[in-house]
Each structure stands twice: as structure tokens, then as C-alpha cells.
Amino acid sequence: MLRVTRMGEQSSVVRLRVEGRISAESCGALNDICWRCIREGKAVQLDLQAVSSVTPRGLDTLRALQEYSVDLLFVPPLIEELLVPGSSVETTHEPGRRSAK
């Protein structure tokens, strides 16, 4: 389950706290929320500190959002590594677990 909360907002920036699992099922909702803010003329910051896991589709969504200048903040180390093109780590993040291909 994914939860997105609007944490702080300035005139030109909105910070969204993302909690839970970024999966194929939740990517659409995350994308919609970000695009709604972008259409309002806001720069978007995603606080990913409370993300527990991410699927390959979730990684694709995060990469696409980055291409549209969405800032990713407080990214857990494994997710940050997975976002690097050509990563040799499996595409799931669970706290305390790490697997190489």
C-alpha cells in the first residue's frame, strides 16, 4: 500500500511524503499526484524516506518523474543505487535485505 501526504507547501514548491510500497498498482496514483502539482505550477519534491519497497515499474516511474524535474529527497541507499542505470542489484528494496544479480 502506498500513502502520499502533502507535507509542506511554499508558493512555488510542494513536498510530498511517500510511505509504503511503490508498485505497479500504485504508480498511477503517484504519477497523477505529482502531475497535478506540476500543472498547478509547483516544483515537486518527493520525500522517499519511508518507502519500504519498490518494484521495477516503481523505479521506472521514479526515473520518469526525475526527468520532469521532480526532486527525490531522503532516498534510501538501496533505492538510490537501483535508480542508477545499469545497477547490478535486484529491483526490490526491503529494509535489511540486499541481493546481487
C-alpha atoms as a PDB file:
ATOM      1  CA  MET A   1       0.000   0.000   0.000  1.00  0.00           C
ATOM      2  CA  LEU A   2       1.212   3.487  -0.838  1.00  0.00           C
ATOM      3  CA  ARG A   3       0.429   6.637   1.068  1.00  0.00           C
ATOM      4  CA  VAL A   4       1.264  10.121  -0.238  1.00  0.00           C
ATOM      5  CA  THR A   5       0.881  13.110   2.073  1.00  0.00           C
ATOM      6  CA  ARG A   6       1.323  16.761   1.214  1.00  0.00           C
ATOM      7  CA  MET A   7       3.821  17.834   3.891  1.00  0.00           C
ATOM      8  CA  GLY A   8       4.819  21.353   3.119  1.00  0.00           C
ATOM      9  CA  GLU A   9       3.994  23.896   0.536  1.00  0.00           C
ATOM     10  CA  GLN A  10       5.510  27.193  -0.410  1.00  0.00           C
ATOM     11  CA  SER A  11       4.355  29.442  -3.198  1.00  0.00           C
ATOM     12  CA  SER A  12       6.342  27.530  -5.817  1.00  0.00           C
ATOM     13  CA  VAL A  13       7.293  24.193  -4.166  1.00  0.00           C
ATOM     14  CA  VAL A  14       5.314  21.291  -2.719  1.00  0.00           C
ATOM     15  CA  ARG A  15       6.853  18.430  -0.720  1.00  0.00           C
ATOM     16  CA  LEU A  16       5.108  15.056  -0.801  1.00  0.00           C
ATOM     17  CA  ARG A  17       5.956  12.351   1.741  1.00  0.00           C
ATOM     18  CA  VAL A  18       5.732   8.878   0.192  1.00  0.00           C
ATOM     19  CA  GLU A  19       5.236   5.893   2.503  1.00  0.00           C
ATOM     20  CA  GLY A  20       4.957   2.181   1.798  1.00  0.00           C
ATOM     21  CA  ARG A  21       5.498   0.248  -1.402  1.00  0.00           C
ATOM     22  CA  ILE A  22       5.868   1.813  -4.835  1.00  0.00           C
ATOM     23  CA  SER A  23       4.438  -0.917  -7.054  1.00  0.00           C
ATOM     24  CA  ALA A  24       2.812  -1.263 -10.461  1.00  0.00           C
ATOM     25  CA  GLU A  25      -0.564  -0.826  -8.767  1.00  0.00           C
ATOM     26  CA  SER A  26       0.412   2.438  -7.045  1.00  0.00           C
ATOM     27  CA  CYS A  27       2.465   4.089  -9.812  1.00  0.00           C
ATOM     28  CA  GLY A  28      -0.543   5.654 -11.484  1.00  0.00           C
ATOM     29  CA  ALA A  29      -1.672   7.371  -8.288  1.00  0.00           C
ATOM     30  CA  LEU A  30       1.827   8.680  -7.525  1.00  0.00           C
ATOM     31  CA  ASN A  31       2.212   9.941 -11.085  1.00  0.00           C
ATOM     32  CA  ASP A  32      -1.222  11.630 -11.001  1.00  0.00           C
ATOM     33  CA  ILE A  33      -0.500  13.428  -7.733  1.00  0.00           C
ATOM     34  CA  CYS A  34       2.851  14.704  -8.996  1.00  0.00           C
ATOM     35  CA  TRP A  35       1.401  15.878 -12.315  1.00  0.00           C
ATOM     36  CA  ARG A  36      -1.472  17.641 -10.564  1.00  0.00           C
ATOM     37  CA  CYS A  37       1.088  19.665  -8.585  1.00  0.00           C
ATOM     38  CA  ILE A  38       3.178  20.347 -11.699  1.00  0.00           C
ATOM     39  CA  ARG A  39       0.080  21.620 -13.547  1.00  0.00           C
ATOM     40  CA  GLU A  40      -0.523  23.971 -10.584  1.00  0.00           C
ATOM     41  CA  GLY A  41       2.886  25.458 -11.381  1.00  0.00           C
ATOM     42  CA  LYS A  42       4.635  23.870  -8.390  1.00  0.00           C
ATOM     43  CA  ALA A  43       8.067  22.302  -8.242  1.00  0.00           C
ATOM     44  CA  VAL A  44       7.639  18.845  -6.680  1.00  0.00           C
ATOM     45  CA  GLN A  45       9.843  17.222  -4.041  1.00  0.00           C
ATOM     46  CA  LEU A  46       9.229  13.582  -3.104  1.00  0.00           C
ATOM     47  CA  ASP A  47      10.392  12.555   0.367  1.00  0.00           C
ATOM     48  CA  LEU A  48      11.111   8.819  -0.023  1.00  0.00           C
ATOM     49  CA  GLN A  49      12.486   8.147   3.466  1.00  0.00           C
ATOM     50  CA  ALA A  50       9.508   5.966   4.451  1.00  0.00           C
ATOM     51  CA  VAL A  51       9.391   3.888   1.253  1.00  0.00           C
ATOM     52  CA  SER A  52       9.617   0.220   2.222  1.00  0.00           C
ATOM     53  CA  SER A  53       9.951  -1.343  -1.229  1.00  0.00           C
ATOM     54  CA  VAL A  54       9.938  -0.548  -4.916  1.00  0.00           C
ATOM     55  CA  THR A  55       9.198  -2.741  -7.933  1.00  0.00           C
ATOM     56  CA  PRO A  56      10.729  -2.380 -11.411  1.00  0.00           C
ATOM     57  CA  ARG A  57       7.670  -0.401 -12.555  1.00  0.00           C
ATOM     58  CA  GLY A  58       8.043   1.815  -9.482  1.00  0.00           C
ATOM     59  CA  LEU A  59      11.648   2.504 -10.418  1.00  0.00           C
ATOM     60  CA  ASP A  60      10.560   3.404 -13.953  1.00  0.00           C
ATOM     61  CA  THR A  61       8.017   5.845 -12.536  1.00  0.00           C
ATOM     62  CA  LEU A  62      10.594   7.486 -10.257  1.00  0.00           C
ATOM     63  CA  ARG A  63      13.038   7.817 -13.171  1.00  0.00           C
ATOM     64  CA  ALA A  64      10.345   9.366 -15.387  1.00  0.00           C
ATOM     65  CA  LEU A  65       9.374  11.835 -12.656  1.00  0.00           C
ATOM     66  CA  GLN A  66      13.034  12.805 -12.253  1.00  0.00           C
ATOM     67  CA  GLU A  67      13.178  13.550 -15.986  1.00  0.00           C
ATOM     68  CA  TYR A  68      10.379  16.076 -15.401  1.00  0.00           C
ATOM     69  CA  SER A  69      12.411  17.778 -12.641  1.00  0.00           C
ATOM     70  CA  VAL A  70      10.733  16.097  -9.664  1.00  0.00           C
ATOM     71  CA  ASP A  71      13.310  16.094  -6.853  1.00  0.00           C
ATOM     72  CA  LEU A  72      13.776  12.866  -4.896  1.00  0.00           C
ATOM     73  CA  LEU A  73      14.714  13.543  -1.275  1.00  0.00           C
ATOM     74  CA  PHE A  74      15.898  11.238   1.514  1.00  0.00           C
ATOM     75  CA  VAL A  75      16.159   8.286  -0.857  1.00  0.00           C
ATOM     76  CA  PRO A  76      17.032   5.027   0.954  1.00  0.00           C
ATOM     77  CA  PRO A  77      20.536   3.905  -0.147  1.00  0.00           C
ATOM     78  CA  LEU A  78      19.443   0.755  -1.981  1.00  0.00           C
ATOM     79  CA  ILE A  79      16.716   2.572  -3.904  1.00  0.00           C
ATOM     80  CA  GLU A  80      19.228   5.253  -4.810  1.00  0.00           C
ATOM     81  CA  GLU A  81      21.538   2.537  -6.139  1.00  0.00           C
ATOM     82  CA  LEU A  82      18.680   0.963  -8.093  1.00  0.00           C
ATOM     83  CA  LEU A  83      17.935   4.279  -9.785  1.00  0.00           C
ATOM     84  CA  VAL A  84      21.416   4.302 -11.321  1.00  0.00           C
ATOM     85  CA  PRO A  85      21.280   2.940 -14.888  1.00  0.00           C
ATOM     86  CA  GLY A  86      22.952  -0.475 -15.172  1.00  0.00           C
ATOM     87  CA  SER A  87      22.641  -1.295 -11.477  1.00  0.00           C
ATOM     88  CA  SER A  88      23.599  -4.889 -10.657  1.00  0.00           C
ATOM     89  CA  VAL A  89      21.193  -5.131  -7.728  1.00  0.00           C
ATOM     90  CA  GLU A  90      17.760  -6.769  -7.890  1.00  0.00           C
ATOM     91  CA  THR A  91      14.893  -4.357  -8.211  1.00  0.00           C
ATOM     92  CA  THR A  92      13.229  -4.781  -4.845  1.00  0.00           C
ATOM     93  CA  HIS A  93      14.123  -2.929  -1.708  1.00  0.00           C
ATOM     94  CA  GLU A  94      13.305  -4.375   1.657  1.00  0.00           C
ATOM     95  CA  PRO A  95      14.989  -2.950   4.746  1.00  0.00           C
ATOM     96  CA  GLY A  96      17.986  -5.058   5.730  1.00  0.00           C
ATOM     97  CA  ARG A  97      17.999  -7.140   2.511  1.00  0.00           C
ATOM     98  CA  ARG A  98      20.254  -6.747  -0.451  1.00  0.00           C
ATOM     99  CA  SER A  99      20.782  -9.094  -3.374  1.00  0.00           C
ATOM    100  CA  ALA A 100      23.171  -9.010  -6.288  1.00  0.00           C
ATOM    101  CA  LYS A 101      22.220 -10.458  -9.670  1.00  0.00           C
END
